[in-house]
Every structure is written in C-alpha cells, then in structure tokens.
Protein backbone atom coordinates (compact mmCIF):
# COMPACT_ATOMS: atom_id res chain seq x y z
CA MET A 1 4.88 78.38 84.44
CA LYS A 2 2.82 76.86 81.63
CA THR A 3 2.03 80.33 80.15
CA PHE A 4 5.73 81.20 80.13
CA GLU A 5 6.58 77.93 78.29
CA ARG A 6 3.90 78.73 75.66
CA ILE A 7 5.23 82.22 75.16
CA LEU A 8 8.83 80.91 74.93
CA LEU A 9 7.75 78.25 72.42
CA LYS A 10 6.03 80.89 70.19
CA ILE A 11 9.19 83.08 70.34
CA VAL A 12 11.34 80.10 69.21
CA ILE A 13 9.01 79.29 66.33
CA ILE A 14 9.00 82.92 65.16
CA GLN A 15 12.84 83.15 65.38
CA CYS A 16 13.10 79.92 63.20
CA LEU A 17 10.70 81.29 60.70
CA PHE A 18 12.64 84.54 60.43
CA LEU A 19 15.87 82.63 60.07
CA ILE A 20 14.51 80.54 57.21
CA ILE A 21 13.07 83.56 55.47
CA THR A 22 16.31 85.48 55.84
CA GLN A 23 18.39 82.61 54.50
CA ILE A 24 16.11 82.34 51.43
CA PHE A 25 16.26 86.05 50.94
CA PHE A 26 20.08 86.19 51.06
CA HIS A 27 21.02 83.07 49.32
CA LYS A 28 18.29 82.09 46.85
CA LEU A 29 17.15 85.54 45.67
CA ASN A 30 20.69 86.81 45.40
CA ALA A 31 19.75 89.99 47.41
CA PHE A 32 23.33 91.10 48.02
CA PRO A 33 25.77 90.14 45.17
CA GLU A 34 28.58 91.47 47.33
CA LEU A 35 27.83 88.84 49.90
CA ASN A 36 28.09 86.15 47.26
CA GLN A 37 31.47 87.46 46.16
CA LEU A 38 32.68 87.51 49.73
CA ILE A 39 31.65 83.97 50.25
CA GLN A 40 33.47 82.84 47.11
CA TYR A 41 36.57 84.82 48.24
CA GLU A 42 36.65 83.15 51.60
CA GLY A 43 36.44 79.77 49.91
CA VAL A 44 33.40 78.58 51.83
CA THR A 45 31.66 77.22 48.74
CA ASP A 46 34.74 75.32 47.43
CA ASN A 47 34.57 71.52 47.36
CA ASN A 48 37.56 70.70 49.44
CA PHE A 49 36.14 67.37 50.72
CA THR A 50 38.66 65.08 48.93
CA GLU A 51 41.55 67.19 50.12
CA LEU A 52 40.22 66.94 53.68
CA LEU A 53 39.98 63.13 53.35
CA GLU A 54 43.46 62.93 51.86
CA THR A 55 44.77 64.94 54.74
CA PHE A 56 43.15 62.64 57.34
CA ASN A 57 44.33 59.55 55.52
CA GLY A 58 47.81 60.79 55.27
CA ASN A 59 48.02 60.39 51.42
CA LYS A 60 49.36 63.77 50.73
C-alpha cells in the first residue's frame, strides 16, 4: 500500500506541474490570441465586483 501511495503522490505532483506550466503558456506568453479574445468576449476578465456587491446589498 505504501508503494501505491508514493506512486499516486508522484502522479499528483506531476499533474500540478503540468497544470502550472500550461497556465503560464496560455496566459502569460499569449500563445493563443484567439483564446484571449474569447475570454474578453465572455466577460470573464471584467471587473464586476462592485455591481455584484450592489446587487447583494439591494442598492440597485
């Protein structure tokens, strides 16, 4: 069982490293400009925090 846990831990660490490398590749190096346009089109990068707070407070 201890061998299995070591192998599983190594797989998790490798997956985390690949996730971080992929995120850096996609977002920081601007690998796919179309992806950046898609994110802006969906409104994910907009700063809507104040509108969200106003909605929760009932000030709208």
